[in-house]
C-alpha atoms as a PDB file:
ATOM      1  CA  UNK A   1     -47.905 155.301 104.753  1.00  0.00           C
ATOM      2  CA  UNK A   2     -46.930 158.333 102.738  1.00  0.00           C
ATOM      3  CA  UNK A   3     -43.432 159.227 101.679  1.00  0.00           C
ATOM      4  CA  UNK A   4     -41.117 160.578 104.368  1.00  0.00           C
ATOM      5  CA  UNK A   5     -40.214 164.255 104.036  1.00  0.00           C
ATOM      6  CA  UNK A   6     -37.858 165.949 106.461  1.00  0.00           C
ATOM      7  CA  UNK A   7     -39.744 169.187 105.811  1.00  0.00           C
ATOM      8  CA  UNK A   8     -42.641 167.771 107.834  1.00  0.00           C
ATOM      9  CA  UNK A   9     -40.417 167.322 110.873  1.00  0.00           C
ATOM     10  CA  UNK A  10     -40.865 169.417 114.001  1.00  0.00           C
ATOM     11  CA  UNK A  11     -37.477 171.135 113.749  1.00  0.00           C
ATOM     12  CA  UNK A  12     -37.820 171.871 110.044  1.00  0.00           C
ATOM     13  CA  UNK A  13     -41.152 173.566 110.678  1.00  0.00           C
ATOM     14  CA  UNK A  14     -39.383 175.899 113.126  1.00  0.00           C
ATOM     15  CA  UNK A  15     -36.447 176.550 110.776  1.00  0.00           C
ATOM     16  CA  UNK A  16     -36.386 179.924 109.012  1.00  0.00           C
ATOM     17  CA  UNK A  17     -33.931 180.738 106.229  1.00  0.00           C
ATOM     18  CA  UNK A  18     -33.103 183.747 104.097  1.00  0.00           C
ATOM     19  CA  UNK A  19     -34.954 184.213 100.836  1.00  0.00           C
ATOM     20  CA  UNK A  20     -33.512 182.046  98.080  1.00  0.00           C
ATOM     21  CA  UNK A  21     -31.690 179.623 100.405  1.00  0.00           C
ATOM     22  CA  UNK A  22     -32.126 176.041  99.208  1.00  0.00           C
ATOM     23  CA  UNK A  23     -33.305 173.496 101.787  1.00  0.00           C
ATOM     24  CA  UNK A  24     -33.148 169.928 100.439  1.00  0.00           C
ATOM     25  CA  UNK A  25     -36.241 167.796 100.988  1.00  0.00           C
ATOM     26  CA  UNK A  26     -34.625 164.611 102.284  1.00  0.00           C
ATOM     27  CA  UNK A  27     -36.540 161.362 102.737  1.00  0.00           C
ATOM     28  CA  UNK A  28     -35.029 161.050 106.214  1.00  0.00           C
ATOM     29  CA  UNK A  29     -36.826 161.041 109.559  1.00  0.00           C
ATOM     30  CA  UNK A  30     -34.349 163.103 111.577  1.00  0.00           C
ATOM     31  CA  UNK A  31     -34.626 163.040 115.398  1.00  0.00           C
ATOM     32  CA  UNK A  32     -36.454 165.918 117.055  1.00  0.00           C
ATOM     33  CA  UNK A  33     -35.585 165.130 120.673  1.00  0.00           C
ATOM     34  CA  UNK A  34     -31.859 164.300 120.854  1.00  0.00           C
ATOM     35  CA  UNK A  35     -29.398 166.345 118.747  1.00  0.00           C
ATOM     36  CA  UNK A  36     -26.572 163.918 119.548  1.00  0.00           C
ATOM     37  CA  UNK A  37     -28.302 160.728 118.443  1.00  0.00           C
ATOM     38  CA  UNK A  38     -26.013 158.945 116.022  1.00  0.00           C
ATOM     39  CA  UNK A  39     -27.721 158.096 112.741  1.00  0.00           C
ATOM     40  CA  UNK A  40     -24.748 156.449 111.029  1.00  0.00           C
ATOM     41  CA  UNK A  41     -24.799 152.765 111.951  1.00  0.00           C
ATOM     42  CA  UNK A  42     -21.572 151.409 113.456  1.00  0.00           C
ATOM     43  CA  UNK A  43     -20.825 147.774 112.542  1.00  0.00           C
ATOM     44  CA  UNK A  44     -18.077 146.528 114.839  1.00  0.00           C
ATOM     45  CA  UNK A  45     -15.598 144.114 113.237  1.00  0.00           C
ATOM     46  CA  UNK A  46     -12.490 144.794 115.364  1.00  0.00           C
ATOM     47  CA  UNK A  47     -11.845 144.210 119.055  1.00  0.00           C
ATOM     48  CA  UNK A  48      -9.815 147.236 120.127  1.00  0.00           C
ATOM     49  CA  UNK A  49      -9.275 148.830 123.510  1.00  0.00           C
ATOM     50  CA  UNK A  50      -8.614 152.554 123.699  1.00  0.00           C
ATOM     51  CA  UNK A  51      -6.751 152.917 126.962  1.00  0.00           C
ATOM     52  CA  UNK A  52      -3.357 154.271 128.018  1.00  0.00           C
ATOM     53  CA  UNK A  53      -1.611 151.586 125.917  1.00  0.00           C
ATOM     54  CA  UNK A  54      -3.206 152.522 122.590  1.00  0.00           C
ATOM     55  CA  UNK A  55      -0.902 154.421 120.157  1.00  0.00           C
ATOM     56  CA  UNK A  56      -2.935 157.622 119.752  1.00  0.00           C
ATOM     57  CA  UNK A  57      -0.005 159.275 117.995  1.00  0.00           C
ATOM     58  CA  UNK A  58       1.415 156.566 115.764  1.00  0.00           C
ATOM     59  CA  UNK A  59       4.964 157.193 114.541  1.00  0.00           C
ATOM     60  CA  UNK A  60       5.536 153.798 112.892  1.00  0.00           C
ATOM     61  CA  UNK A  61       6.546 153.338 109.219  1.00  0.00           C
ATOM     62  CA  UNK A  62       3.269 151.456 108.634  1.00  0.00           C
ATOM     63  CA  UNK A  63       1.236 154.443 109.811  1.00  0.00           C
ATOM     64  CA  UNK A  64       3.273 156.886 107.719  1.00  0.00           C
ATOM     65  CA  UNK A  65       2.802 154.699 104.636  1.00  0.00           C
ATOM     66  CA  UNK A  66      -0.940 154.439 105.277  1.00  0.00           C
ATOM     67  CA  UNK A  67      -1.210 158.215 105.779  1.00  0.00           C
ATOM     68  CA  UNK A  68       0.669 158.825 102.520  1.00  0.00           C
ATOM     69  CA  UNK A  69      -1.686 156.501 100.630  1.00  0.00           C
ATOM     70  CA  UNK A  70      -4.703 158.243 102.172  1.00  0.00           C
ATOM     71  CA  UNK A  71      -3.272 161.605 101.126  1.00  0.00           C
ATOM     72  CA  UNK A  72      -3.069 160.276  97.568  1.00  0.00           C
ATOM     73  CA  UNK A  73      -6.654 158.968  97.771  1.00  0.00           C
ATOM     74  CA  UNK A  74      -7.760 162.457  98.776  1.00  0.00           C
ATOM     75  CA  UNK A  75      -7.154 163.576  95.191  1.00  0.00           C
ATOM     76  CA  UNK A  76      -9.535 160.859  93.990  1.00  0.00           C
ATOM     77  CA  UNK A  77     -12.069 161.921  96.632  1.00  0.00           C
ATOM     78  CA  UNK A  78     -11.775 165.515  95.442  1.00  0.00           C
ATOM     79  CA  UNK A  79     -12.601 164.428  91.896  1.00  0.00           C
ATOM     80  CA  UNK A  80     -15.530 162.277  93.009  1.00  0.00           C
ATOM     81  CA  UNK A  81     -16.786 165.064  95.286  1.00  0.00           C
ATOM     82  CA  UNK A  82     -16.799 167.360  92.264  1.00  0.00           C
ATOM     83  CA  UNK A  83     -18.387 164.805  89.943  1.00  0.00           C
ATOM     84  CA  UNK A  84     -21.071 163.435  92.276  1.00  0.00           C
ATOM     85  CA  UNK A  85     -21.757 166.409  94.563  1.00  0.00           C
ATOM     86  CA  UNK A  86     -20.566 169.266  92.371  1.00  0.00           C
ATOM     87  CA  UNK A  87     -18.487 170.407  95.337  1.00  0.00           C
ATOM     88  CA  UNK A  88     -17.450 174.048  95.202  1.00  0.00           C
ATOM     89  CA  UNK A  89     -15.076 175.570  97.747  1.00  0.00           C
ATOM     90  CA  UNK A  90     -15.759 179.292  98.096  1.00  0.00           C
ATOM     91  CA  UNK A  91     -13.673 182.073  99.619  1.00  0.00           C
ATOM     92  CA  UNK A  92     -10.426 180.135 100.175  1.00  0.00           C
ATOM     93  CA  UNK A  93      -8.646 183.433  99.627  1.00  0.00           C
ATOM     94  CA  UNK A  94      -9.485 184.502 103.209  1.00  0.00           C
ATOM     95  CA  UNK A  95      -6.668 182.191 104.324  1.00  0.00           C
ATOM     96  CA  UNK A  96      -4.077 183.944 102.156  1.00  0.00           C
ATOM     97  CA  UNK A  97      -1.496 185.989 104.014  1.00  0.00           C
ATOM     98  CA  UNK A  98      -2.754 185.006 107.479  1.00  0.00           C
ATOM     99  CA  UNK A  99      -0.356 184.016 110.257  1.00  0.00           C
ATOM    100  CA  UNK A 100      -0.903 180.323 110.930  1.00  0.00           C
ATOM    101  CA  UNK A 101       2.547 179.751 112.393  1.00  0.00           C
ATOM    102  CA  UNK A 102       0.908 178.340 115.536  1.00  0.00           C
ATOM    103  CA  UNK A 103      -1.404 176.034 113.599  1.00  0.00           C
ATOM    104  CA  UNK A 104      -5.181 176.408 113.283  1.00  0.00           C
ATOM    105  CA  UNK A 105      -8.434 174.611 114.058  1.00  0.00           C
ATOM    106  CA  UNK A 106     -11.036 174.208 111.330  1.00  0.00           C
ATOM    107  CA  UNK A 107     -14.666 173.611 112.303  1.00  0.00           C
ATOM    108  CA  UNK A 108     -17.659 172.784 110.116  1.00  0.00           C
ATOM    109  CA  UNK A 109     -21.181 171.405 110.156  1.00  0.00           C
ATOM    110  CA  UNK A 110     -21.061 167.603 109.751  1.00  0.00           C
ATOM    111  CA  UNK A 111     -22.926 166.901 106.522  1.00  0.00           C
ATOM    112  CA  UNK A 112     -22.010 163.764 104.605  1.00  0.00           C
ATOM    113  CA  UNK A 113     -19.474 160.962 104.322  1.00  0.00           C
ATOM    114  CA  UNK A 114     -17.091 162.973 102.164  1.00  0.00           C
ATOM    115  CA  UNK A 115     -17.180 166.266 104.039  1.00  0.00           C
ATOM    116  CA  UNK A 116     -13.650 165.852 105.450  1.00  0.00           C
ATOM    117  CA  UNK A 117     -12.050 165.579 101.970  1.00  0.00           C
ATOM    118  CA  UNK A 118     -13.783 168.862 101.106  1.00  0.00           C
ATOM    119  CA  UNK A 119     -12.241 170.532 104.153  1.00  0.00           C
ATOM    120  CA  UNK A 120      -8.829 169.107 103.239  1.00  0.00           C
ATOM    121  CA  UNK A 121      -9.293 170.591  99.782  1.00  0.00           C
ATOM    122  CA  UNK A 122     -10.020 173.984 101.347  1.00  0.00           C
ATOM    123  CA  UNK A 123      -6.860 174.038 103.498  1.00  0.00           C
ATOM    124  CA  UNK A 124      -4.587 172.848 100.697  1.00  0.00           C
ATOM    125  CA  UNK A 125      -1.238 171.398 101.705  1.00  0.00           C
ATOM    126  CA  UNK A 126      -1.887 171.538 105.468  1.00  0.00           C
ATOM    127  CA  UNK A 127      -2.385 168.276 107.339  1.00  0.00           C
ATOM    128  CA  UNK A 128      -5.464 167.923 109.536  1.00  0.00           C
ATOM    129  CA  UNK A 129      -5.629 165.798 112.692  1.00  0.00           C
ATOM    130  CA  UNK A 130      -9.173 164.880 113.701  1.00  0.00           C
ATOM    131  CA  UNK A 131     -10.605 163.589 117.000  1.00  0.00           C
ATOM    132  CA  UNK A 132     -13.263 160.971 116.236  1.00  0.00           C
ATOM    133  CA  UNK A 133     -15.627 158.581 118.012  1.00  0.00           C
ATOM    134  CA  UNK A 134     -13.628 155.587 119.228  1.00  0.00           C
ATOM    135  CA  UNK A 135     -16.137 152.931 118.167  1.00  0.00           C
ATOM    136  CA  UNK A 136     -15.851 153.945 114.499  1.00  0.00           C
ATOM    137  CA  UNK A 137     -12.277 152.626 114.641  1.00  0.00           C
ATOM    138  CA  UNK A 138     -13.699 149.161 115.342  1.00  0.00           C
ATOM    139  CA  UNK A 139     -15.334 149.090 111.896  1.00  0.00           C
ATOM    140  CA  UNK A 140     -14.000 148.184 108.462  1.00  0.00           C
ATOM    141  CA  UNK A 141     -13.066 151.875 108.109  1.00  0.00           C
ATOM    142  CA  UNK A 142     -10.196 151.494 110.614  1.00  0.00           C
ATOM    143  CA  UNK A 143      -7.311 151.942 108.178  1.00  0.00           C
ATOM    144  CA  UNK A 144      -9.058 154.777 106.344  1.00  0.00           C
ATOM    145  CA  UNK A 145      -9.627 156.603 109.629  1.00  0.00           C
ATOM    146  CA  UNK A 146      -6.068 156.081 110.824  1.00  0.00           C
ATOM    147  CA  UNK A 147      -4.638 157.077 107.464  1.00  0.00           C
ATOM    148  CA  UNK A 148      -6.805 160.195 107.478  1.00  0.00           C
ATOM    149  CA  UNK A 149      -5.077 161.161 110.767  1.00  0.00           C
ATOM    150  CA  UNK A 150      -8.159 160.601 112.893  1.00  0.00           C
ATOM    151  CA  UNK A 151      -7.486 159.926 116.572  1.00  0.00           C
ATOM    152  CA  UNK A 152     -10.027 158.001 118.701  1.00  0.00           C
ATOM    153  CA  UNK A 153     -11.595 159.729 121.696  1.00  0.00           C
ATOM    154  CA  UNK A 154     -11.341 157.276 124.614  1.00  0.00           C
ATOM    155  CA  UNK A 155     -13.895 156.890 127.403  1.00  0.00           C
ATOM    156  CA  UNK A 156     -11.518 156.213 130.296  1.00  0.00           C
ATOM    157  CA  UNK A 157      -9.119 158.392 132.274  1.00  0.00           C
ATOM    158  CA  UNK A 158      -5.945 156.568 131.229  1.00  0.00           C
ATOM    159  CA  UNK A 159      -6.877 156.858 127.581  1.00  0.00           C
ATOM    160  CA  UNK A 160      -7.935 160.509 127.882  1.00  0.00           C
ATOM    161  CA  UNK A 161      -4.542 161.384 129.371  1.00  0.00           C
ATOM    162  CA  UNK A 162      -2.696 159.825 126.416  1.00  0.00           C
ATOM    163  CA  UNK A 163      -5.177 161.361 123.945  1.00  0.00           C
ATOM    164  CA  UNK A 164      -4.509 164.827 125.380  1.00  0.00           C
ATOM    165  CA  UNK A 165      -0.757 164.228 125.314  1.00  0.00           C
ATOM    166  CA  UNK A 166      -0.998 163.287 121.625  1.00  0.00           C
ATOM    167  CA  UNK A 167      -2.682 166.582 120.740  1.00  0.00           C
ATOM    168  CA  UNK A 168      -0.240 168.491 122.954  1.00  0.00           C
ATOM    169  CA  UNK A 169       2.589 166.980 120.901  1.00  0.00           C
ATOM    170  CA  UNK A 170       0.848 167.778 117.621  1.00  0.00           C
ATOM    171  CA  UNK A 171       0.381 171.365 118.728  1.00  0.00           C
ATOM    172  CA  UNK A 172       4.075 171.618 119.589  1.00  0.00           C
ATOM    173  CA  UNK A 173       4.674 170.646 115.948  1.00  0.00           C
ATOM    174  CA  UNK A 174       2.265 173.411 114.840  1.00  0.00           C
ATOM    175  CA  UNK A 175      -0.089 170.970 113.155  1.00  0.00           C
ATOM    176  CA  UNK A 176      -3.699 171.786 112.181  1.00  0.00           C
ATOM    177  CA  UNK A 177      -6.759 170.201 113.796  1.00  0.00           C
ATOM    178  CA  UNK A 178     -10.307 169.704 112.536  1.00  0.00           C
ATOM    179  CA  UNK A 179     -13.358 169.321 114.774  1.00  0.00           C
ATOM    180  CA  UNK A 180     -17.069 168.932 114.038  1.00  0.00           C
ATOM    181  CA  UNK A 181     -18.584 170.803 117.022  1.00  0.00           C
ATOM    182  CA  UNK A 182     -21.976 169.166 116.418  1.00  0.00           C
ATOM    183  CA  UNK A 183     -20.373 165.833 117.252  1.00  0.00           C
ATOM    184  CA  UNK A 184     -22.547 163.646 115.023  1.00  0.00           C
ATOM    185  CA  UNK A 185     -23.351 163.458 111.320  1.00  0.00           C
ATOM    186  CA  UNK A 186     -26.899 163.741 110.049  1.00  0.00           C
ATOM    187  CA  UNK A 187     -26.670 163.558 106.280  1.00  0.00           C
ATOM    188  CA  UNK A 188     -27.622 166.809 104.520  1.00  0.00           C
ATOM    189  CA  UNK A 189     -29.381 168.199 107.603  1.00  0.00           C
ATOM    190  CA  UNK A 190     -30.014 171.912 107.197  1.00  0.00           C
ATOM    191  CA  UNK A 191     -30.435 173.153 110.815  1.00  0.00           C
ATOM    192  CA  UNK A 192     -27.389 173.394 113.061  1.00  0.00           C
ATOM    193  CA  UNK A 193     -27.281 171.129 116.087  1.00  0.00           C
ATOM    194  CA  UNK A 194     -25.796 172.383 119.401  1.00  0.00           C
ATOM    195  CA  UNK A 195     -22.059 173.075 119.443  1.00  0.00           C
ATOM    196  CA  UNK A 196     -19.910 171.267 121.977  1.00  0.00           C
ATOM    197  CA  UNK A 197     -17.115 173.433 123.300  1.00  0.00           C
ATOM    198  CA  UNK A 198     -14.080 171.207 122.696  1.00  0.00           C
ATOM    199  CA  UNK A 199     -12.804 173.114 119.657  1.00  0.00           C
ATOM    200  CA  UNK A 200     -13.147 176.429 121.444  1.00  0.00           C
ATOM    201  CA  UNK A 201     -11.404 175.138 124.557  1.00  0.00           C
ATOM    202  CA  UNK A 202      -8.488 174.071 122.373  1.00  0.00           C
ATOM    203  CA  UNK A 203      -8.460 177.441 120.602  1.00  0.00           C
ATOM    204  CA  UNK A 204      -7.963 179.084 123.995  1.00  0.00           C
ATOM    205  CA  UNK A 205      -5.573 176.479 125.411  1.00  0.00           C
ATOM    206  CA  UNK A 206      -3.301 176.368 122.371  1.00  0.00           C
ATOM    207  CA  UNK A 207      -3.796 179.984 121.258  1.00  0.00           C
ATOM    208  CA  UNK A 208      -4.884 178.782 117.809  1.00  0.00           C
ATOM    209  CA  UNK A 209      -7.341 180.519 115.474  1.00  0.00           C
ATOM    210  CA  UNK A 210     -10.651 178.899 114.602  1.00  0.00           C
ATOM    211  CA  UNK A 211     -11.381 178.768 110.869  1.00  0.00           C
ATOM    212  CA  UNK A 212     -15.154 178.281 110.466  1.00  0.00           C
ATOM    213  CA  UNK A 213     -16.377 176.485 107.349  1.00  0.00           C
ATOM    214  CA  UNK A 214     -19.986 175.930 106.353  1.00  0.00           C
ATOM    215  CA  UNK A 215     -21.497 173.348 104.035  1.00  0.00           C
ATOM    216  CA  UNK A 216     -24.591 174.567 102.195  1.00  0.00           C
ATOM    217  CA  UNK A 217     -26.775 172.774  99.677  1.00  0.00           C
ATOM    218  CA  UNK A 218     -27.649 173.367  96.029  1.00  0.00           C
ATOM    219  CA  UNK A 219     -30.378 171.763  93.979  1.00  0.00           C
ATOM    220  CA  UNK A 220     -29.132 168.845  91.894  1.00  0.00           C
ATOM    221  CA  UNK A 221     -29.181 169.841  88.221  1.00  0.00           C
ATOM    222  CA  UNK A 222     -27.974 168.780  84.773  1.00  0.00           C
ATOM    223  CA  UNK A 223     -25.965 165.607  84.234  1.00  0.00           C
ATOM    224  CA  UNK A 224     -25.354 165.253  87.961  1.00  0.00           C
ATOM    225  CA  UNK A 225     -28.958 164.064  88.281  1.00  0.00           C
ATOM    226  CA  UNK A 226     -27.504 160.728  87.170  1.00  0.00           C
ATOM    227  CA  UNK A 227     -25.737 160.394  90.536  1.00  0.00           C
ATOM    228  CA  UNK A 228     -26.806 160.235  94.193  1.00  0.00           C
ATOM    229  CA  UNK A 229     -30.492 160.748  93.446  1.00  0.00           C
ATOM    230  CA  UNK A 230     -32.327 162.512  96.237  1.00  0.00           C
ATOM    231  CA  UNK A 231     -29.149 164.132  97.551  1.00  0.00           C
ATOM    232  CA  UNK A 232     -28.193 167.800  97.012  1.00  0.00           C
ATOM    233  CA  UNK A 233     -25.093 169.305  95.484  1.00  0.00           C
ATOM    234  CA  UNK A 234     -22.672 170.850  97.971  1.00  0.00           C
ATOM    235  CA  UNK A 235     -20.811 174.121  98.492  1.00  0.00           C
ATOM    236  CA  UNK A 236     -18.227 174.700 101.228  1.00  0.00           C
ATOM    237  CA  UNK A 237     -17.842 178.306 102.394  1.00  0.00           C
ATOM    238  CA  UNK A 238     -14.605 179.295 104.135  1.00  0.00           C
ATOM    239  CA  UNK A 239     -14.992 182.113 106.681  1.00  0.00           C
ATOM    240  CA  UNK A 240     -12.504 184.500 108.246  1.00  0.00           C
ATOM    241  CA  UNK A 241     -10.342 183.083 111.054  1.00  0.00           C
ATOM    242  CA  UNK A 242     -11.539 183.950 114.568  1.00  0.00           C
ATOM    243  CA  UNK A 243      -9.606 184.092 117.839  1.00  0.00           C
ATOM    244  CA  UNK A 244     -10.324 183.620 121.528  1.00  0.00           C
ATOM    245  CA  UNK A 245     -10.227 186.820 123.570  1.00  0.00           C
ATOM    246  CA  UNK A 246      -7.277 186.083 125.875  1.00  0.00           C
ATOM    247  CA  UNK A 247      -8.056 189.179 127.976  1.00  0.00           C
ATOM    248  CA  UNK A 248     -11.045 187.279 129.407  1.00  0.00           C
ATOM    249  CA  UNK A 249     -11.042 184.398 131.888  1.00  0.00           C
ATOM    250  CA  UNK A 250     -10.951 181.062 130.100  1.00  0.00           C
ATOM    251  CA  UNK A 251     -14.622 180.096 130.491  1.00  0.00           C
ATOM    252  CA  UNK A 252     -15.864 183.496 129.335  1.00  0.00           C
ATOM    253  CA  UNK A 253     -13.459 183.527 126.393  1.00  0.00           C
ATOM    254  CA  UNK A 254     -14.485 180.018 125.315  1.00  0.00           C
ATOM    255  CA  UNK A 255     -18.209 180.804 125.569  1.00  0.00           C
ATOM    256  CA  UNK A 256     -17.748 184.079 123.675  1.00  0.00           C
ATOM    257  CA  UNK A 257     -15.778 182.437 120.861  1.00  0.00           C
ATOM    258  CA  UNK A 258     -18.298 179.618 120.507  1.00  0.00           C
ATOM    259  CA  UNK A 259     -21.165 182.119 120.258  1.00  0.00           C
ATOM    260  CA  UNK A 260     -19.338 184.262 117.699  1.00  0.00           C
ATOM    261  CA  UNK A 261     -18.378 181.291 115.523  1.00  0.00           C
ATOM    262  CA  UNK A 262     -21.859 179.769 115.757  1.00  0.00           C
ATOM    263  CA  UNK A 263     -23.544 183.014 114.712  1.00  0.00           C
ATOM    264  CA  UNK A 264     -21.131 183.562 111.806  1.00  0.00           C
ATOM    265  CA  UNK A 265     -21.764 180.030 110.576  1.00  0.00           C
ATOM    266  CA  UNK A 266     -25.545 180.369 110.855  1.00  0.00           C
ATOM    267  CA  UNK A 267     -25.394 183.559 108.825  1.00  0.00           C
ATOM    268  CA  UNK A 268     -23.217 181.932 106.156  1.00  0.00           C
ATOM    269  CA  UNK A 269     -25.694 179.045 105.979  1.00  0.00           C
ATOM    270  CA  UNK A 270     -28.540 181.502 105.389  1.00  0.00           C
ATOM    271  CA  UNK A 271     -30.329 180.526 108.601  1.00  0.00           C
ATOM    272  CA  UNK A 272     -32.422 183.254 110.271  1.00  0.00           C
ATOM    273  CA  UNK A 273     -33.926 181.091 113.025  1.00  0.00           C
ATOM    274  CA  UNK A 274     -32.347 177.800 114.066  1.00  0.00           C
ATOM    275  CA  UNK A 275     -34.594 175.315 115.908  1.00  0.00           C
ATOM    276  CA  UNK A 276     -31.894 173.857 118.168  1.00  0.00           C
ATOM    277  CA  UNK A 277     -30.175 175.816 120.960  1.00  0.00           C
ATOM    278  CA  UNK A 278     -26.508 176.707 120.571  1.00  0.00           C
ATOM    279  CA  UNK A 279     -25.485 175.166 123.901  1.00  0.00           C
ATOM    280  CA  UNK A 280     -26.223 171.474 124.608  1.00  0.00           C
ATOM    281  CA  UNK A 281     -28.032 170.440 127.787  1.00  0.00           C
ATOM    282  CA  UNK A 282     -24.858 168.718 128.970  1.00  0.00           C
ATOM    283  CA  UNK A 283     -22.147 171.209 128.051  1.00  0.00           C
ATOM    284  CA  UNK A 284     -18.882 169.310 127.786  1.00  0.00           C
END
């Protein structure tokens, strides 16, 4: 068998990018049939139940201490992101002078294990609360996820009610949220996968701006070739905040905002033709 190259994949053959845009040649066989297939293996080590009794919004001293320690570790992550991935955050100035008194929702393409620290770096002192797959909380990453203010998405009605109440409370406190609309992480995948509408529903419901951010790749050069061989360097582009059109009915406003954000992000990523559709087959 020859070496695997993502560039030989069906979707990559359909992908078209602007001249000069770098597309990393990853030795990964990405799926071509299911954009929501999870490629990051989940190794369950905890027996947890995410129902109406789970503390989605934890107010205990233990949680606050863990969150503080994770905030401190973010500085280490920022350094390692710079050293290993040469992370650059571009255009943060677009957030200056904007009215975020009602909070905000950041969205980005889900690119690699340390993409959340990069987004935290972009928003500065603001805290981000992040909905995340519930089963990842059953892994050895539990305390890191909780400390990073991730909240598990339950799969039952009792849990969903408490999950929604937690984010209602956070919005009342004018906190910031982060959502990956693609839903799943495929490491260093250039095309955009379909966008679920959760972030855009919340933007309408809570009257919060969406702040799109886009990870793009750079060729690994210089002394950074010593690290993470086969993986690209990373740049995070911060785009102008965007708002739901509240003059429209909710569904129309949500669909319009999703389309506008998606197109802005594609353009910032240098993508002319994306092989996946914007809207998933099951649109929820």
